[in-house]
Protein backbone atom coordinates (compact mmCIF):
# COMPACT_ATOMS: atom_id res chain seq x y z
CA MET A 1 -248.78 72.25 52.46
CA LYS A 2 -247.08 75.36 51.19
CA ASN A 3 -243.70 73.75 51.85
CA ILE A 4 -244.71 70.65 49.91
CA LYS A 5 -245.89 72.78 47.00
CA ARG A 6 -242.66 74.78 47.15
CA MET A 7 -240.58 71.57 47.17
CA VAL A 8 -242.53 70.14 44.23
CA SER A 9 -242.12 73.43 42.38
CA LEU A 10 -238.40 73.51 43.04
CA PHE A 11 -238.11 69.87 42.01
CA LEU A 12 -239.92 70.46 38.75
CA SER A 13 -237.86 73.57 38.09
CA GLY A 14 -234.75 71.56 38.72
CA ILE A 15 -235.85 68.92 36.24
CA ILE A 16 -236.63 71.55 33.63
CA LEU A 17 -233.33 73.33 34.26
CA PHE A 18 -231.45 70.04 34.16
CA SER A 19 -233.20 69.15 30.93
CA LEU A 20 -232.31 72.48 29.39
CA VAL A 21 -228.71 72.24 30.53
CA SER A 22 -228.55 68.63 29.48
CA CYS A 23 -229.96 69.44 26.05
CA SER A 24 -227.54 72.32 25.74
CA LEU A 25 -224.63 70.11 26.71
CA LYS A 26 -225.89 67.37 24.43
CA ASP A 27 -226.10 69.77 21.53
CA LYS A 28 -222.66 71.11 22.34
CA VAL A 29 -221.20 67.65 22.56
CA LYS A 30 -222.94 66.69 19.33
CA LYS A 31 -221.53 69.78 17.70
CA ILE A 32 -218.03 69.13 18.94
CA SER A 33 -218.05 65.43 18.17
CA GLY A 34 -219.84 66.10 14.94
CA PHE A 35 -216.97 68.19 13.72
CA SER A 36 -214.75 65.14 13.80
CA ASP A 37 -217.25 63.35 11.60
CA ALA A 38 -217.62 66.42 9.41
CA SER A 39 -213.88 66.45 8.81
CA LYS A 40 -213.89 62.82 7.77
CA ILE A 41 -216.94 63.19 5.54
CA PHE A 42 -215.55 66.36 3.99
CA GLN A 43 -212.27 64.58 3.30
CA ILE A 44 -214.17 61.85 1.48
CA ALA A 45 -216.02 64.46 -0.57
CA LEU A 46 -212.73 66.16 -1.39
CA GLU A 47 -210.97 62.93 -2.37
CA ASN A 48 -213.80 61.84 -4.64
CA LYS A 49 -214.78 65.33 -5.84
CA ASN A 50 -218.32 64.51 -4.77
CA VAL A 51 -220.35 67.71 -4.99
CA GLU A 52 -223.49 66.29 -3.40
CA LEU A 53 -221.56 64.99 -0.39
CA LEU A 54 -219.86 68.38 -0.08
CA ASN A 55 -223.26 70.07 0.04
CA GLU A 56 -224.44 67.62 2.69
CA VAL A 57 -221.49 68.49 4.92
CA ILE A 58 -222.30 72.19 4.57
CA LYS A 59 -225.98 71.62 5.38
CA GLU A 60 -225.40 69.22 8.30
CA TYR A 61 -222.48 71.12 9.82
CA PRO A 62 -223.05 74.80 8.95
CA ASP A 63 -220.23 75.96 11.24
CA TYR A 64 -217.64 73.66 9.71
CA ASP A 65 -214.77 75.47 7.97
CA ILE A 66 -214.53 73.99 4.47
CA ASN A 67 -211.37 75.96 3.78
CA LYS A 68 -209.28 73.48 5.77
CA CYS A 69 -208.43 69.84 5.24
CA GLU A 70 -205.73 67.39 6.27
CA GLN A 71 -203.40 68.82 3.60
CA GLY A 72 -203.95 72.45 4.62
CA SER A 73 -206.08 74.35 2.11
CA SER A 74 -209.02 72.32 0.82
CA LEU A 75 -209.54 74.64 -2.15
CA ALA A 76 -205.87 74.26 -3.06
CA LYS A 77 -206.32 70.50 -3.07
CA ALA A 78 -209.48 70.77 -5.16
CA LEU A 79 -207.67 72.96 -7.68
CA PHE A 80 -204.27 71.31 -7.82
CA ASN A 81 -204.43 67.64 -6.78
CA ASN A 82 -204.45 66.57 -10.42
CA GLY A 83 -201.53 68.73 -11.35
CA GLY A 84 -203.81 71.72 -12.01
CA ARG A 85 -204.93 70.37 -15.37
CA ALA A 86 -207.70 72.31 -17.00
CA THR A 87 -208.71 69.22 -18.81
CA ASP A 88 -210.10 67.41 -15.79
CA TYR A 89 -213.86 67.80 -15.79
CA GLU A 90 -214.23 66.68 -12.16
CA ASN A 91 -211.47 69.06 -11.06
CA ILE A 92 -213.23 72.07 -12.51
CA THR A 93 -216.70 71.03 -11.35
CA PHE A 94 -215.71 70.39 -7.74
CA SER A 95 -213.57 73.53 -7.47
CA ARG A 96 -216.50 75.63 -8.64
CA ALA A 97 -218.78 73.85 -6.15
CA MET A 98 -216.31 74.65 -3.35
CA LEU A 99 -216.37 78.33 -4.29
CA ASP A 100 -220.17 78.29 -4.59
CA ALA A 101 -220.25 76.83 -1.08
CA GLY A 102 -218.28 79.72 0.30
CA ALA A 103 -214.66 78.61 0.02
CA ASP A 104 -212.37 81.62 0.27
CA PRO A 105 -210.56 82.35 -3.02
CA ASN A 106 -208.00 84.41 -1.06
CA VAL A 107 -206.74 81.64 1.22
CA LYS A 108 -203.15 80.47 1.07
CA SER A 109 -202.04 77.09 -0.25
CA THR A 110 -199.79 74.65 1.58
CA ASN A 111 -196.68 76.44 0.30
CA GLY A 112 -197.77 79.64 2.07
CA ASP A 113 -198.69 81.57 -1.07
CA TYR A 114 -202.12 82.89 -1.98
CA LEU A 115 -203.90 80.58 -4.41
CA LEU A 116 -203.84 83.21 -7.12
CA ILE A 117 -200.08 83.49 -6.73
CA THR A 118 -199.79 79.71 -7.15
CA THR A 119 -201.96 79.58 -10.26
CA CYS A 120 -199.99 82.37 -11.94
CA ASP A 121 -196.64 80.93 -10.90
CA ASN A 122 -197.57 77.57 -12.43
CA ASP A 123 -199.41 78.67 -15.53
CA PHE A 124 -202.87 77.38 -14.51
CA TYR A 125 -204.94 79.72 -16.64
CA TRP A 126 -208.30 78.05 -15.96
CA ALA A 127 -207.77 78.16 -12.18
CA THR A 128 -206.72 81.81 -12.31
CA GLU A 129 -209.88 82.68 -14.21
CA LEU A 130 -212.05 80.72 -11.76
CA LEU A 131 -210.53 82.35 -8.65
CA VAL A 132 -210.91 85.84 -10.09
CA GLU A 133 -214.51 85.10 -11.03
CA TYR A 134 -215.18 84.40 -7.34
CA GLY A 135 -213.50 87.50 -6.01
CA ALA A 136 -209.80 86.72 -5.64
CA ASP A 137 -207.75 89.85 -4.95
CA LEU A 138 -205.83 90.80 -8.10
CA GLU A 139 -203.20 92.71 -6.15
CA VAL A 140 -202.06 90.15 -3.55
CA LYS A 141 -198.31 89.74 -3.14
CA ASN A 142 -196.05 86.81 -2.30
CA ASP A 143 -193.24 87.01 0.25
CA LEU A 144 -191.00 88.65 -2.34
CA GLY A 145 -193.56 91.34 -3.06
CA TYR A 146 -194.56 89.97 -6.47
CA SER A 147 -198.13 90.35 -7.71
CA PRO A 148 -200.00 87.76 -9.85
CA LEU A 149 -199.54 89.89 -12.98
CA TYR A 150 -195.81 90.18 -12.29
CA LEU A 151 -195.56 86.39 -12.03
CA VAL A 152 -197.47 85.93 -15.28
CA MET A 153 -194.73 87.97 -16.92
CA ALA A 154 -191.74 86.74 -14.95
CA ASN A 155 -192.50 83.04 -14.46
CA PHE A 156 -189.68 80.97 -15.90
CA TYR A 157 -191.26 77.67 -14.89
CA GLY A 158 -194.48 77.72 -16.89
CA ASP A 159 -194.34 75.87 -20.18
CA SER A 160 -197.13 77.64 -21.98
CA GLU A 161 -196.39 81.03 -23.47
CA GLU A 162 -199.85 81.13 -25.07
CA ASN A 163 -201.44 80.81 -21.61
CA ARG A 164 -199.24 83.58 -20.24
CA ILE A 165 -200.47 86.12 -22.73
CA LYS A 166 -204.06 84.98 -22.07
CA ASN A 167 -203.47 85.44 -18.36
CA ALA A 168 -201.92 88.87 -18.83
CA LYS A 169 -204.77 90.13 -21.00
CA PHE A 170 -207.27 88.63 -18.59
CA PHE A 171 -205.76 90.49 -15.61
CA VAL A 172 -205.60 93.78 -17.51
CA ASP A 173 -209.23 93.40 -18.61
CA LYS A 174 -210.22 92.73 -14.98
CA GLY A 175 -208.50 95.89 -13.79
CA ALA A 176 -205.15 94.68 -12.42
CA GLY A 177 -202.71 97.52 -12.01
CA VAL A 178 -200.18 97.89 -14.86
CA THR A 179 -197.57 100.00 -13.11
CA THR A 180 -193.89 100.71 -13.47
CA ASP A 181 -193.28 98.36 -10.54
CA LEU A 182 -193.65 95.52 -13.02
CA PHE A 183 -190.42 96.58 -14.73
CA ASN A 184 -188.46 98.78 -12.34
CA ILE A 185 -185.06 97.27 -11.57
CA ASP A 186 -183.54 96.79 -8.14
CA GLU A 187 -179.95 98.00 -8.19
CA ASN A 188 -179.21 96.00 -5.04
CA LYS A 189 -179.75 92.70 -6.81
CA ASP A 190 -177.26 90.67 -8.79
CA GLU A 191 -177.58 91.73 -12.45
CA ASP A 192 -178.96 88.39 -13.65
CA LEU A 193 -181.61 88.47 -10.92
CA ARG A 194 -182.23 92.14 -11.58
CA TYR A 195 -183.41 91.35 -15.09
CA HIS A 196 -184.90 87.94 -14.40
CA HIS A 197 -188.43 89.17 -15.10
CA ILE A 198 -187.53 90.79 -18.41
CA GLY A 199 -186.49 87.68 -20.29
CA ALA A 200 -189.07 85.14 -19.14
CA SER A 201 -191.94 86.04 -21.47
CA PRO A 202 -191.15 88.55 -24.23
CA VAL A 203 -194.73 88.47 -25.56
CA VAL A 204 -196.18 89.48 -22.18
CA SER A 205 -193.40 91.98 -21.43
CA ASN A 206 -193.99 93.65 -24.78
CA TYR A 207 -197.74 93.79 -24.18
CA LEU A 208 -197.44 95.32 -20.70
CA MET A 209 -194.68 97.77 -21.63
CA ASN A 210 -196.80 99.15 -24.43
CA ILE A 211 -199.67 99.69 -21.99
CA LEU A 212 -197.30 101.73 -19.79
CA HIS A 213 -196.19 103.79 -22.77
CA GLU A 214 -199.78 104.44 -23.77
CA LYS A 215 -200.28 105.80 -20.24
CA GLY A 216 -197.18 107.98 -20.64
CA GLU A 217 -195.25 106.21 -17.89
CA GLU A 218 -191.59 105.27 -17.91
CA THR A 219 -189.55 102.81 -15.85
CA ASN A 220 -186.16 103.25 -14.17
CA MET A 221 -184.41 100.84 -16.52
CA PRO A 222 -182.18 102.12 -19.35
CA LYS A 223 -184.35 103.73 -22.00
CA ALA A 224 -182.73 101.79 -24.81
CA MET A 225 -183.80 98.57 -23.13
CA GLU A 226 -187.27 99.86 -22.23
CA TYR A 227 -188.01 100.77 -25.84
CA ALA A 228 -186.55 97.52 -27.13
CA ILE A 229 -189.07 95.67 -24.96
CA SER A 230 -191.90 97.79 -26.39
CA GLY A 231 -190.71 97.03 -29.92
CA ASP A 232 -189.75 100.63 -30.72
CA LEU A 233 -186.32 99.90 -32.12
CA ASP A 234 -185.87 103.40 -33.62
CA LYS A 235 -185.87 104.90 -30.12
CA THR A 236 -183.65 102.09 -28.87
CA ILE A 237 -181.06 102.94 -31.52
CA GLU A 238 -181.48 106.65 -30.79
CA TYR A 239 -180.64 106.22 -27.09
CA ILE A 240 -177.64 103.99 -27.76
CA GLU A 241 -176.25 106.40 -30.34
CA LYS A 242 -176.68 109.26 -27.84
CA GLY A 243 -174.30 107.36 -25.61
CA GLU A 244 -176.57 105.71 -23.04
CA ALA A 245 -174.37 103.29 -21.14
CA LEU A 246 -175.43 99.63 -21.16
CA THR A 247 -173.91 96.72 -19.29
CA ASP A 248 -173.17 93.47 -21.12
CA LYS A 249 -176.39 91.98 -19.72
CA GLU A 250 -178.41 94.98 -20.87
CA LYS A 251 -176.86 94.79 -24.34
CA GLU A 252 -177.82 91.13 -24.47
CA LEU A 253 -181.43 91.90 -23.61
CA VAL A 254 -181.63 94.72 -26.15
CA PHE A 255 -180.25 92.33 -28.76
CA ASP A 256 -182.83 89.67 -27.81
CA TYR A 257 -185.79 92.01 -28.05
CA ALA A 258 -184.53 93.44 -31.31
CA SER A 259 -184.62 89.93 -32.76
CA TYR A 260 -188.09 89.33 -31.29
CA PHE A 261 -189.82 92.49 -32.53
CA GLY A 262 -187.44 94.26 -34.94
CA MET A 263 -186.93 94.38 -38.70
CA PRO A 264 -183.71 93.00 -40.22
CA ASP A 265 -182.13 96.44 -40.85
CA GLU A 266 -182.88 97.56 -37.28
CA PHE A 267 -181.55 94.29 -35.96
CA GLU A 268 -178.31 94.65 -37.93
CA THR A 269 -177.82 98.15 -36.54
CA ILE A 270 -178.36 96.95 -32.97
CA CYS A 271 -175.98 94.02 -33.51
CA ARG A 272 -173.33 96.54 -34.54
CA LEU A 273 -174.03 98.92 -31.66
CA THR A 274 -174.14 96.23 -28.99
CA GLU A 275 -171.36 94.10 -30.57
CA MET A 276 -173.58 91.02 -30.27
CA GLN A 277 -173.34 88.04 -32.62
CA ILE A 278 -176.26 86.83 -34.74
CA ASP A 279 -175.44 83.26 -33.70
CA ASN A 280 -176.96 84.02 -30.30
CA VAL A 281 -180.54 84.44 -31.53
CA ASN A 282 -183.35 82.45 -29.93
CA MET A 283 -185.47 81.19 -32.83
CA GLU A 284 -188.08 79.70 -30.47
CA ARG A 285 -188.84 83.12 -29.01
CA ILE A 286 -188.81 84.82 -32.42
CA ILE A 287 -191.52 82.40 -33.56
CA GLN A 288 -193.53 83.06 -30.38
CA CYS A 289 -193.41 86.77 -31.17
CA GLY A 290 -194.63 86.18 -34.73
CA ASN A 291 -191.69 87.88 -36.44
CA LEU A 292 -191.71 86.30 -39.90
CA ASP A 293 -189.44 88.98 -41.37
CA MET A 294 -186.72 88.08 -38.89
CA ILE A 295 -187.21 84.36 -39.43
CA GLN A 296 -186.76 84.78 -43.18
CA TYR A 297 -183.74 87.03 -42.70
CA LEU A 298 -182.00 84.62 -40.31
CA ILE A 299 -182.58 81.58 -42.52
CA GLU A 300 -182.03 83.08 -45.97
CA LYS A 301 -179.40 85.73 -45.23
CA CYS A 302 -177.62 84.42 -42.15
CA GLY A 303 -177.73 80.68 -42.79
CA PHE A 304 -179.65 79.76 -39.63
CA LYS A 305 -180.40 75.99 -39.53
CA LEU A 306 -183.85 74.87 -38.42
CA GLN A 307 -182.55 71.39 -37.82
CA SER A 308 -179.20 70.23 -36.57
CA GLU A 309 -177.97 66.64 -36.80
CA LYS A 310 -179.21 66.10 -33.28
CA VAL A 311 -182.54 67.89 -32.97
CA SER A 312 -182.77 69.98 -29.80
CA PRO A 313 -185.94 70.44 -27.68
CA SER A 314 -186.26 74.00 -28.98
CA GLN A 315 -186.08 72.80 -32.60
CA GLU A 316 -188.85 70.32 -31.80
CA ASN A 317 -191.06 73.25 -30.80
CA TYR A 318 -190.74 75.47 -33.86
CA LEU A 319 -193.76 74.15 -35.77
CA LYS A 320 -195.76 73.59 -32.59
CA LEU A 321 -195.34 77.22 -31.51
CA ALA A 322 -196.32 78.55 -34.91
CA VAL A 323 -199.53 76.52 -34.71
CA LEU A 324 -200.30 77.34 -31.06
CA PHE A 325 -200.06 81.07 -31.72
CA GLY A 326 -201.99 80.80 -34.98
CA TYR A 327 -199.20 82.03 -37.25
CA SER A 328 -200.32 80.37 -40.47
CA ASP A 329 -197.74 82.20 -42.61
CA ILE A 330 -194.90 81.21 -40.26
CA PHE A 331 -196.14 77.61 -40.27
CA ASP A 332 -196.06 77.58 -44.09
CA TYR A 333 -192.59 79.06 -44.18
CA LEU A 334 -191.15 76.67 -41.61
CA CYS A 335 -192.68 73.67 -43.39
CA ASN A 336 -191.16 74.81 -46.68
CA HIS A 337 -187.76 75.08 -45.00
CA ASN A 338 -187.74 71.62 -43.45
CA ALA A 339 -188.50 72.43 -39.83
CA TYR A 340 -188.66 69.42 -37.55
CA ASN A 341 -192.08 67.73 -37.46
CA PRO A 342 -192.97 66.78 -33.84
CA GLY A 343 -195.77 64.48 -35.03
CA ALA A 344 -199.41 64.61 -36.07
CA SER A 345 -200.91 64.35 -32.59
CA VAL A 346 -198.76 67.26 -31.30
CA LEU A 347 -199.55 69.61 -34.15
CA LEU A 348 -203.23 68.70 -34.46
CA GLU A 349 -203.79 69.16 -30.73
CA SER A 350 -201.99 72.52 -30.93
CA ALA A 351 -204.23 73.59 -33.81
CA LEU A 352 -207.30 72.43 -31.90
CA TYR A 353 -206.20 74.45 -28.89
CA ASN A 354 -205.75 77.53 -31.08
CA GLY A 355 -209.26 77.08 -32.46
CA ASN A 356 -208.56 78.20 -36.03
CA LEU A 357 -210.22 75.64 -38.32
CA ASP A 358 -208.42 76.83 -41.47
CA LEU A 359 -205.08 76.37 -39.72
CA PHE A 360 -206.21 72.98 -38.42
CA LYS A 361 -207.04 71.90 -41.98
CA LYS A 362 -203.65 73.10 -43.15
CA VAL A 363 -201.90 71.11 -40.41
CA TYR A 364 -203.94 68.02 -41.25
CA GLU A 365 -203.05 68.20 -44.93
CA TYR A 366 -199.41 68.73 -44.03
CA GLU A 367 -199.39 65.64 -41.81
CA ALA A 368 -201.26 63.61 -44.41
CA GLN A 369 -198.27 63.98 -46.73
CA SER A 370 -196.04 61.94 -44.44
CA THR A 371 -198.45 60.01 -42.19
CA ASP A 372 -200.74 57.18 -43.24
CA ILE A 373 -204.34 58.42 -43.27
CA THR A 374 -205.41 55.43 -41.18
CA GLU A 375 -202.99 56.47 -38.44
CA LEU A 376 -204.33 60.02 -38.53
CA ASN A 377 -207.86 58.72 -38.12
CA GLU A 378 -206.84 56.69 -35.07
CA ILE A 379 -205.45 59.67 -33.19
CA TYR A 380 -207.45 59.66 -29.98
CA ASN A 381 -205.50 61.98 -27.70
CA LEU A 382 -206.90 65.27 -28.98
CA ASP A 383 -207.91 66.63 -25.61
CA GLY A 384 -211.64 66.79 -25.09
CA TYR A 385 -211.45 69.99 -23.11
CA TYR A 386 -210.33 71.79 -26.28
CA LEU A 387 -212.67 69.88 -28.59
CA ASN A 388 -215.79 70.89 -26.65
CA GLY A 389 -218.05 73.13 -28.70
CA LYS A 390 -215.87 72.90 -31.81
CA LEU A 391 -218.51 71.12 -33.87
CA ASP A 392 -217.04 72.49 -37.11
CA PHE A 393 -213.79 70.67 -36.32
CA ILE A 394 -215.70 67.44 -35.69
CA ASP A 395 -217.67 67.87 -38.90
CA TYR A 396 -214.50 68.39 -40.92
CA LEU A 397 -212.73 65.38 -39.44
CA MET A 398 -215.68 62.99 -39.65
CA SER A 399 -217.33 64.16 -42.88
CA GLU A 400 -214.28 64.99 -44.95
CA LYS A 401 -211.53 62.86 -43.42
CA ASN A 402 -213.43 59.79 -42.18
CA HIS A 403 -212.12 60.30 -38.68
CA THR A 404 -214.20 58.02 -36.43
CA PHE A 405 -213.14 59.17 -32.94
CA GLU A 406 -213.70 55.54 -31.94
CA CYS A 407 -210.76 55.56 -29.52
CA TYR A 408 -211.67 58.97 -28.20
CA SER A 409 -212.37 59.32 -24.47
CA PHE A 410 -215.47 61.14 -23.24
CA LYS A 411 -213.74 62.00 -19.97
CA ASN A 412 -213.87 65.75 -20.56
CA ILE A 413 -216.41 65.90 -23.35
CA ASP A 414 -219.60 67.87 -22.67
CA PHE A 415 -223.05 66.57 -23.56
CA GLU A 416 -223.60 68.60 -26.74
CA THR A 417 -220.24 67.58 -28.17
CA ALA A 418 -220.84 63.92 -27.29
CA ARG A 419 -224.25 64.00 -28.92
CA TYR A 420 -222.82 65.54 -32.09
CA LEU A 421 -220.10 62.89 -32.25
CA TYR A 422 -222.74 60.17 -32.13
CA GLU A 423 -224.89 61.96 -34.72
CA LYS A 424 -221.88 62.04 -37.03
CA GLY A 425 -221.39 58.30 -36.65
CA ARG A 426 -218.92 57.79 -33.78
CA PRO A 427 -219.28 54.20 -32.50
CA LEU A 428 -219.89 53.41 -28.86
CA ASN A 429 -216.73 53.17 -26.76
CA ILE A 430 -216.53 50.86 -23.76
CA THR A 431 -215.79 53.78 -21.43
CA ASP A 432 -218.56 56.11 -22.65
CA LEU A 433 -221.01 55.04 -19.95
CA ASP A 434 -218.37 55.36 -17.20
CA TYR A 435 -217.63 58.96 -18.10
CA ALA A 436 -221.28 59.84 -18.65
CA ILE A 437 -221.93 58.68 -15.07
CA CYS A 438 -218.97 60.73 -13.79
CA HIS A 439 -220.51 63.82 -15.40
CA ASN A 440 -223.59 63.37 -13.17
CA ASP A 441 -225.81 64.15 -16.13
CA ILE A 442 -228.96 62.04 -16.63
CA GLU A 443 -229.37 63.29 -20.17
CA TYR A 444 -225.78 62.27 -20.92
CA ILE A 445 -226.28 58.79 -19.42
CA GLN A 446 -229.48 58.34 -21.41
CA LEU A 447 -227.64 59.34 -24.57
CA VAL A 448 -225.07 56.59 -24.05
CA LEU A 449 -227.72 54.02 -23.09
CA ASP A 450 -229.67 54.87 -26.25
CA LYS A 451 -226.48 54.19 -28.19
CA GLY A 452 -226.50 50.63 -26.83
CA ALA A 453 -224.49 50.63 -23.61
CA ASP A 454 -225.39 48.10 -20.92
CA ILE A 455 -226.22 49.79 -17.63
CA ASN A 456 -224.69 46.78 -15.85
CA GLN A 457 -221.41 46.72 -17.75
CA LYS A 458 -218.11 46.42 -15.91
CA CYS A 459 -216.30 49.64 -15.04
CA TYR A 460 -213.22 50.16 -17.19
CA SER A 461 -212.44 53.84 -16.95
CA PHE A 462 -210.92 53.85 -13.49
CA ASP A 463 -208.02 51.61 -14.38
CA TYR A 464 -206.68 51.66 -17.93
CA SER A 465 -204.57 48.59 -17.23
CA ASN A 466 -207.80 46.65 -16.99
CA TYR A 467 -208.89 46.94 -20.59
CA VAL A 468 -209.77 43.51 -21.90
CA SER A 469 -208.07 41.84 -24.84
CA ASN A 470 -210.80 39.28 -25.38
CA TYR A 471 -213.45 41.95 -25.78
CA LYS A 472 -216.10 39.74 -27.45
CA GLU A 473 -216.22 37.48 -24.41
CA GLN A 474 -216.17 40.26 -21.85
CA VAL A 475 -218.16 42.97 -23.60
CA SER A 476 -220.56 41.10 -25.83
CA GLN A 477 -223.13 43.90 -25.90
CA TYR A 478 -220.89 45.98 -28.17
CA ASP A 479 -221.40 44.38 -31.57
CA ASN A 480 -219.27 46.94 -33.37
CA PHE A 481 -216.59 47.07 -30.72
CA THR A 482 -213.21 46.31 -32.29
CA SER A 483 -209.71 45.74 -31.03
CA LYS A 484 -208.90 49.34 -31.93
CA HIS A 485 -210.71 50.29 -28.74
CA ILE A 486 -208.32 48.31 -26.59
CA TYR A 487 -205.49 50.51 -25.37
CA TYR A 488 -203.87 47.85 -23.21
CA GLU A 489 -203.67 44.10 -23.39
CA ASN A 490 -204.05 41.38 -20.80
CA ILE A 491 -206.48 40.71 -18.23
CA THR A 492 -209.34 38.46 -18.89
CA GLU A 493 -209.37 36.85 -15.47
CA LYS A 494 -208.86 40.03 -13.47
CA ASN A 495 -211.53 41.74 -15.48
CA LYS A 496 -214.15 39.28 -14.27
CA GLU A 497 -213.65 40.65 -10.77
CA LEU A 498 -214.29 44.26 -11.74
CA PRO A 499 -217.37 45.97 -10.29
CA THR A 500 -220.06 47.35 -12.56
CA ALA A 501 -219.87 50.98 -13.65
CA PHE A 502 -222.95 51.61 -11.49
CA SER A 503 -221.45 50.25 -8.27
CA TYR A 504 -217.88 51.47 -8.67
CA LEU A 505 -218.82 55.04 -9.58
CA LEU A 506 -221.34 55.49 -6.78
CA ASN A 507 -218.90 57.64 -4.84
CA LYS A 508 -218.84 60.18 -7.68
CA CYS A 509 -222.58 60.26 -8.37
CA ASN A 510 -225.43 62.36 -7.16
CA SER A 511 -228.68 60.83 -6.01
CA GLU A 512 -230.66 61.80 -9.11
CA CYS A 513 -228.32 59.82 -11.34
CA ILE A 514 -228.38 56.80 -9.03
CA LYS A 515 -232.17 56.83 -8.93
CA PHE A 516 -232.29 57.10 -12.71
CA MET A 517 -229.92 54.17 -13.17
CA ILE A 518 -231.85 51.93 -10.78
CA GLU A 519 -235.07 52.80 -12.58
CA ASN A 520 -233.35 51.82 -15.84
CA GLY A 521 -232.30 48.39 -14.69
CA ALA A 522 -229.05 48.86 -12.76
CA GLU A 523 -228.59 45.83 -10.54
CA ILE A 524 -227.95 46.35 -6.83
CA PRO A 525 -225.20 43.95 -5.67
CA ASP A 526 -225.36 42.42 -2.19
CA ASP A 527 -222.33 44.43 -1.07
CA ILE A 528 -223.44 47.72 -2.67
CA LEU A 529 -223.49 49.58 0.66
CA ILE A 530 -219.75 49.00 0.97
CA TYR A 531 -219.22 50.66 -2.40
CA ALA A 532 -221.57 53.45 -1.29
CA SER A 533 -219.67 54.18 1.93
CA GLU A 534 -217.97 57.14 0.22
CA ALA A 535 -221.12 58.33 -1.54
CA SER A 536 -223.55 60.99 -0.34
CA LYS A 537 -226.19 60.28 2.26
CA ALA A 538 -228.86 60.93 -0.37
CA VAL A 539 -227.39 58.20 -2.58
CA ASN A 540 -227.36 55.78 0.35
CA GLN A 541 -230.98 56.71 1.15
CA ILE A 542 -232.02 55.65 -2.35
CA LEU A 543 -230.17 52.35 -1.98
CA PHE A 544 -231.90 51.70 1.35
CA ASP A 545 -235.25 52.61 -0.23
CA ASN A 546 -234.56 50.01 -2.93
CA ASN A 547 -233.89 47.25 -0.41
CA ALA A 548 -230.10 47.19 -0.53
CA ASN A 549 -228.69 44.37 1.61
CA THR A 550 -227.79 45.58 5.11
CA ASN A 551 -226.66 42.19 6.45
CA ILE A 552 -223.28 42.21 4.74
CA ASP A 553 -220.85 39.41 5.54
CA PHE A 554 -217.73 41.42 6.26
CA SER A 555 -215.56 38.32 6.34
CA ASN A 556 -215.73 38.39 2.54
CA VAL A 557 -215.03 42.11 2.16
CA LYS A 558 -211.49 42.91 1.01
CA GLY A 559 -209.59 45.65 2.82
CA VAL A 560 -211.67 45.57 6.00
CA MET A 561 -209.56 44.85 9.08
CA ARG A 562 -212.40 43.68 11.38
CA LYS A 563 -214.32 40.73 10.01
CA ASP A 564 -216.88 40.82 12.81
CA TYR A 565 -218.19 44.20 11.65
CA SER A 566 -221.83 44.99 11.27
CA LEU A 567 -222.80 47.78 8.94
CA GLU A 568 -223.29 50.01 11.97
CA LYS A 569 -219.77 49.34 13.28
CA TYR A 570 -218.35 49.80 9.80
CA TYR A 571 -219.99 53.21 9.38
CA ARG A 572 -218.59 54.32 12.73
CA SER A 573 -215.10 53.05 11.89
CA ILE A 574 -214.89 55.13 8.71
CA GLY A 575 -216.43 58.28 10.22
CA ARG A 576 -219.79 58.02 8.45
CA SER A 577 -222.03 58.50 11.47
CA ASP A 578 -224.31 60.50 9.16
CA LEU A 579 -225.43 57.17 7.67
CA LEU A 580 -226.41 55.57 10.99
CA ASP A 581 -229.93 56.93 11.00
CA LEU A 582 -230.56 55.07 7.71
CA LEU A 583 -230.24 51.71 9.49
């Protein structure tokens, strides 16, 4: 009897042990296999910048490393896959969500550099600011030993001098080290390479050199050149007259900085001492540095021409730079001396970026002299990212200049700015609902619906080539919609095949917005679960709860290789096993 009891006991123990081992193995297998699914789901979230799906991956697979993706660094892709534009609302929102979720701001991008190095080397001010906010190391170095602040100063490839000075001041305010290493020259380098960093951004170089001088620190470069960079031309002249030896390259740089920051008499003296010719001045840089005295001197005394017969790219930038940097007096002077006008949209956007309303008004009046007022009022490419919050600009344009903003995209417009535009009389645009949905903001969507948008309208924002020409037939709900809203022609037939804004934008939406839209009359197409295959699980749950069709005929679904699919097989094929338990 004892033996039987012992055998039963051992048997039961074995079952329990097997169960425990089996469960452990099962969990391990689930974890391992789950990571494959996690990678696929995370990739979908990354591609669509879907914050809710990102958060689901983190919750479901807490050990999954969100710093990696198929392209290397996931955060790098989130930051840069749209060219690093600050004007992409989704770009900014998803990047911040990645960092909130624990993405490492100090990882390296696919090119092997730290992300902060990449942002500074490419003039992505917004991304730099975001990374630093989340703890990026200010003192990281690239393979050449260059810090982010060094690259802000020395980057020849950025096209935005105004962003460089913002970046430089931002780094200094955050505590980045301003040391002589930023300027010290390497005698082992070719002379052009030795001074590469000095000529890239005179505004930033001047700013940082003056910080060093305030600290009482000096570099190993010739003193005449060091003080020229700081704008102290008296000391520059003093060192040259004392006999400090300068190479031809060093004379050239002293000459350049004298033109950037000097007065005419100082400049003349340095021209004589360095034997440089006035013809070699860089007017573009002089404007960037705000040196009106030198501009006047060169034009009135030296015969400098603001326009040649064939206008150069630099000549095209003269007025733009004056506006970007907020030099109202230089703008007036250049206008009075026939500087090249790059066009209303260029100058008005530059003035909007600068944020000085008085200067903006001045630019508008200047353009109104040569541009039909109707054309000015149809300018729609003032970037929303820079318009946000500038309600005084909107008020001026709409109240005083009858600017309607009817062609203006809400892609990067925040809710308060959108609401103010409507309050001031902006008509409904066919894409307003699309972009309100992309913002994942119920209040924003309601605002557009209250304006008269149809929750079941076709989606037009994802493909600008699909704007309709016969708008009355296709978009009858917009009574005041005119042909001015149509950016591209063609299409009537193709447009009939477009999905609704609700169904097409599912993969960008959170569940709260989807629930809201269904409650407000959004129709659920028979094939909606196909559209939702790149949406969050929470979004799919709501669709299932609202009786979405699960018996989809895959033989009619475009782009699906297997026509014998069930929804279950389809979910497995695309790596969405997280959706299986909804069936």
